Amino acid sequence: MKLTESQIQDLYAFTRKHFVEHYDLQTELVDHLANDIETMWQDKPKLSFEDARDKAFKKFGIFGFMEAIEQKSKAMNKRYMRYFWSELKLWFRVPQILATLSLFCVFYLSFSSSYMGVLSVVFYVVIAIWSIYKSIQLNRHFRGRKEKSNKKWLLEEMIYKQAGGTTLLFMSQIYTVFIISDNFSGNALAILFFAIIFTLLTLFNYISFELIPNKAEDLLNETYPEFSL
């Protein structure tokens, strides 16, 4: 005995009712519940759909789908980070390494001046403002995509929203950056350290806010074959 289309849709609504927001995880859980229900019906064909569904749900334990949500989030976060590190590695290979070295030289020469404290704050604020702007832009784009498809995918949310969480952290550390850089002005090791940190910070933000979102369609189609359907 197989589930009808209306019963499948009922299972989707059931997962949403139990705080599963993302369509990819909903689909996995619906498949799991549907297989369980159909297995029960083989032994108890008179068992109602609602009773079979509730029994299948009880197998997830007292926390319901929370463990499944956590596991899926961890898996998607690992996938996202693989994409991120793959992009970052490219900036240390030819020809991108030329741009990386040029960026490093700009920071190094700037911090070698007597205005290290002021320049570090200026660069930091510029990066933070750009990050906030891109974060707002990506959030708007994400909401538009969600409204258009009426579905929310976990990896899609990470691509468009995860990087935005770093912007508040940036803004909160401006004073710390100024104090540290001002105290170590003229120190060769400090100058080298700050040049490396600011180079990496720039790359991290450019990859998170620009490169990965621009490749979102390819990444999502690769992860979810049903995404383009």
Protein backbone atom coordinates (compact mmCIF):
# COMPACT_ATOMS: atom_id res chain seq x y z
CA MET A 1 0.00 0.00 0.00
CA LYS A 2 1.45 3.33 -1.11
CA LEU A 3 0.83 6.83 0.17
CA THR A 4 -1.31 9.14 -1.92
CA GLU A 5 -0.13 12.57 -3.07
CA SER A 6 -2.36 14.27 -0.49
CA GLN A 7 -0.83 12.14 2.26
CA ILE A 8 2.66 13.06 1.08
CA GLN A 9 1.69 16.73 1.24
CA ASP A 10 0.28 16.11 4.72
CA LEU A 11 3.72 14.81 5.77
CA TYR A 12 5.37 17.97 4.42
CA ALA A 13 2.93 20.05 6.46
CA PHE A 14 3.63 17.80 9.45
CA THR A 15 7.38 18.47 9.26
CA ARG A 16 6.79 22.21 8.94
CA LYS A 17 4.54 22.07 11.99
CA HIS A 18 7.42 20.50 13.90
CA PHE A 19 9.82 23.36 13.09
CA VAL A 20 11.54 21.94 10.00
CA GLU A 21 11.89 25.03 7.80
CA HIS A 22 14.13 23.86 4.97
CA TYR A 23 12.70 22.00 2.02
CA ASP A 24 15.71 19.70 1.56
CA LEU A 25 15.43 18.39 5.13
CA GLN A 26 11.64 18.23 4.88
CA THR A 27 12.01 15.98 1.83
CA GLU A 28 14.44 13.64 3.61
CA LEU A 29 12.15 13.37 6.63
CA VAL A 30 9.04 12.87 4.47
CA ASP A 31 10.79 10.01 2.65
CA HIS A 32 11.76 8.47 5.98
CA LEU A 33 8.26 8.81 7.43
CA ALA A 34 6.64 7.53 4.22
CA ASN A 35 8.83 4.39 4.18
CA ASP A 36 8.04 3.75 7.83
CA ILE A 37 4.30 4.17 7.27
CA GLU A 38 4.27 1.86 4.24
CA THR A 39 6.23 -0.75 6.21
CA MET A 40 3.66 -0.57 9.03
CA TRP A 41 0.82 -0.98 6.55
CA GLN A 42 2.33 -4.24 5.32
CA ASP A 43 1.75 -5.72 8.78
CA LYS A 44 -1.31 -3.66 9.76
CA PRO A 45 -3.16 -2.60 6.61
CA LYS A 46 -6.09 -1.23 8.61
CA LEU A 47 -3.93 1.18 10.58
CA SER A 48 -4.99 4.77 9.82
CA PHE A 49 -2.59 7.14 8.12
CA GLU A 50 -2.59 9.52 11.11
CA ASP A 51 -1.83 6.75 13.62
CA ALA A 52 0.95 5.33 11.42
CA ARG A 53 2.40 8.83 10.95
CA ASP A 54 2.40 9.50 14.69
CA LYS A 55 4.04 6.15 15.42
CA ALA A 56 6.72 6.84 12.84
CA PHE A 57 7.33 10.26 14.38
CA LYS A 58 7.70 8.79 17.89
CA LYS A 59 10.75 6.86 16.66
CA PHE A 60 12.61 10.18 16.50
CA GLY A 61 12.48 10.40 20.29
CA ILE A 62 11.34 13.08 22.70
CA PHE A 63 13.13 15.86 20.80
CA GLY A 64 11.38 15.02 17.56
CA PHE A 65 13.18 16.25 14.46
CA MET A 66 15.67 18.42 16.39
CA GLU A 67 18.53 15.90 16.12
CA ALA A 68 17.91 15.47 12.39
CA ILE A 69 17.93 19.27 11.96
CA GLU A 70 21.21 19.55 13.85
CA GLN A 71 22.89 16.77 11.87
CA LYS A 72 21.74 18.23 8.56
CA SER A 73 22.96 21.69 9.58
CA LYS A 74 26.38 20.31 10.46
CA ALA A 75 26.60 18.44 7.16
CA MET A 76 25.64 21.51 5.11
CA ASN A 77 28.00 23.71 7.10
CA LYS A 78 30.87 21.32 6.29
CA ARG A 79 29.90 21.44 2.61
CA TYR A 80 29.79 25.23 2.69
CA MET A 81 33.21 25.42 4.34
CA ARG A 82 34.65 23.07 1.69
CA TYR A 83 33.44 25.49 -0.97
CA PHE A 84 34.93 28.39 0.98
CA TRP A 85 38.38 26.83 1.46
CA SER A 86 38.47 25.74 -2.18
CA GLU A 87 37.89 29.36 -3.23
CA LEU A 88 40.46 30.66 -0.73
CA LYS A 89 43.18 28.27 -1.96
CA LEU A 90 42.81 29.68 -5.46
CA TRP A 91 44.03 33.07 -4.20
CA PHE A 92 47.38 31.53 -3.33
CA ARG A 93 47.91 30.07 -6.79
CA VAL A 94 48.87 31.68 -10.08
CA PRO A 95 47.45 34.02 -11.34
CA GLN A 96 45.32 35.05 -8.31
CA ILE A 97 48.36 35.07 -6.02
CA LEU A 98 49.55 38.23 -7.81
CA ALA A 99 46.41 40.03 -6.60
CA THR A 100 46.89 38.61 -3.09
CA LEU A 101 50.51 39.80 -2.95
CA SER A 102 49.52 43.23 -4.27
CA LEU A 103 46.86 43.53 -1.59
CA PHE A 104 49.36 42.47 1.07
CA CYS A 105 51.88 45.09 -0.15
CA VAL A 106 49.26 47.84 0.04
CA PHE A 107 48.50 46.97 3.66
CA TYR A 108 52.17 46.47 4.57
CA LEU A 109 53.30 49.80 3.13
CA SER A 110 50.33 51.61 4.68
CA PHE A 111 50.98 50.17 8.13
CA SER A 112 54.70 50.93 7.83
CA SER A 113 53.89 54.64 8.00
CA SER A 114 53.51 56.62 11.20
CA TYR A 115 49.73 56.50 10.75
CA MET A 116 49.34 52.78 11.40
CA GLY A 117 46.65 53.23 14.07
CA VAL A 118 44.49 55.54 11.96
CA LEU A 119 44.94 53.60 8.73
CA SER A 120 44.11 50.26 10.37
CA VAL A 121 40.79 51.72 11.57
CA VAL A 122 40.09 53.27 8.16
CA PHE A 123 40.71 49.98 6.35
CA TYR A 124 38.74 48.09 8.98
CA VAL A 125 35.73 50.42 8.71
CA VAL A 126 35.79 50.27 4.89
CA ILE A 127 35.75 46.44 5.00
CA ALA A 128 33.00 46.46 7.64
CA ILE A 129 30.79 48.94 5.75
CA TRP A 130 31.19 46.99 2.50
CA SER A 131 30.34 43.77 4.38
CA ILE A 132 27.20 45.33 5.88
CA TYR A 133 26.12 46.62 2.47
CA LYS A 134 26.64 43.21 0.85
CA SER A 135 24.91 41.47 3.75
CA ILE A 136 21.80 43.63 3.32
CA GLN A 137 21.89 43.12 -0.43
CA LEU A 138 22.20 39.33 -0.13
CA ASN A 139 19.44 39.15 2.47
CA ARG A 140 17.09 40.98 0.13
CA HIS A 141 18.06 38.68 -2.72
CA PHE A 142 17.50 35.64 -0.49
CA ARG A 143 14.02 36.82 0.51
CA GLY A 144 13.17 37.40 -3.14
CA ARG A 145 14.28 33.90 -4.09
CA LYS A 146 12.26 32.40 -1.22
CA GLU A 147 9.12 34.29 -2.20
CA LYS A 148 9.51 33.22 -5.81
CA SER A 149 10.05 29.50 -5.12
CA ASN A 150 8.15 29.28 -1.81
CA LYS A 151 10.91 26.94 -0.63
CA LYS A 152 13.89 27.46 1.63
CA TRP A 153 17.01 25.34 1.17
CA LEU A 154 19.54 24.98 3.97
CA LEU A 155 22.65 25.49 1.85
CA GLU A 156 21.01 28.40 0.06
CA GLU A 157 20.37 30.11 3.40
CA MET A 158 24.00 29.59 4.42
CA ILE A 159 25.28 31.05 1.16
CA TYR A 160 23.12 34.16 1.39
CA LYS A 161 22.92 34.73 5.14
CA GLN A 162 25.79 33.03 6.99
CA ALA A 163 28.42 35.64 6.17
CA GLY A 164 26.18 38.41 7.44
CA GLY A 165 26.68 37.28 11.02
CA THR A 166 30.28 38.50 10.93
CA THR A 167 29.45 42.16 10.29
CA LEU A 168 28.36 42.99 13.84
CA LEU A 169 31.52 41.34 15.14
CA PHE A 170 33.59 43.57 12.86
CA MET A 171 31.97 46.76 14.09
CA SER A 172 32.36 45.79 17.74
CA GLN A 173 36.14 45.39 17.38
CA ILE A 174 37.02 48.79 15.83
CA TYR A 175 38.28 50.29 19.10
CA THR A 176 40.34 47.17 19.86
CA VAL A 177 41.97 47.32 16.42
CA PHE A 178 42.87 50.98 16.93
CA ILE A 179 44.38 50.45 20.40
CA ILE A 180 46.47 47.43 19.37
CA SER A 181 47.71 48.94 16.11
CA ASP A 182 48.49 52.31 17.72
CA ASN A 183 50.48 50.71 20.55
CA PHE A 184 52.56 48.64 18.13
CA SER A 185 53.13 51.34 15.53
CA GLY A 186 56.62 50.99 14.06
CA ASN A 187 57.04 47.41 15.27
CA ALA A 188 58.15 45.30 12.27
CA LEU A 189 56.46 42.11 13.49
CA ALA A 190 53.24 43.95 14.28
CA ILE A 191 53.23 45.55 10.83
CA LEU A 192 53.72 42.15 9.19
CA PHE A 193 51.02 40.60 11.37
CA PHE A 194 48.48 43.34 10.62
CA ALA A 195 49.23 43.19 6.88
CA ILE A 196 48.59 39.43 6.84
CA ILE A 197 45.43 39.72 8.96
CA PHE A 198 43.93 42.47 6.82
CA THR A 199 44.80 40.62 3.61
CA LEU A 200 43.05 37.49 4.88
CA LEU A 201 40.12 39.52 6.21
CA THR A 202 39.64 41.11 2.80
CA LEU A 203 39.80 37.75 1.03
CA PHE A 204 37.44 36.08 3.51
CA ASN A 205 34.82 38.77 3.03
CA TYR A 206 35.19 38.94 -0.74
CA ILE A 207 34.77 35.17 -1.03
CA SER A 208 31.84 35.04 1.42
CA PHE A 209 29.90 38.04 0.13
CA GLU A 210 30.78 38.04 -3.56
CA LEU A 211 32.30 34.89 -5.05
CA ILE A 212 30.26 32.15 -3.39
CA PRO A 213 26.87 33.93 -3.81
CA ASN A 214 27.71 34.48 -7.49
CA LYS A 215 28.16 30.71 -7.83
CA ALA A 216 25.05 29.88 -5.80
CA GLU A 217 23.07 28.38 -8.68
CA ASP A 218 25.84 25.95 -9.62
CA LEU A 219 26.49 24.96 -6.00
CA LEU A 220 22.79 24.41 -5.27
CA ASN A 221 22.21 22.40 -8.44
CA GLU A 222 25.24 20.27 -7.58
CA THR A 223 23.99 19.64 -4.03
CA TYR A 224 20.26 19.29 -4.80
CA PRO A 225 19.47 17.63 -8.15
CA GLU A 226 15.82 18.57 -7.63
CA PHE A 227 16.66 22.27 -7.08
CA SER A 228 16.23 23.23 -10.74
CA LEU A 229 13.03 21.27 -11.13
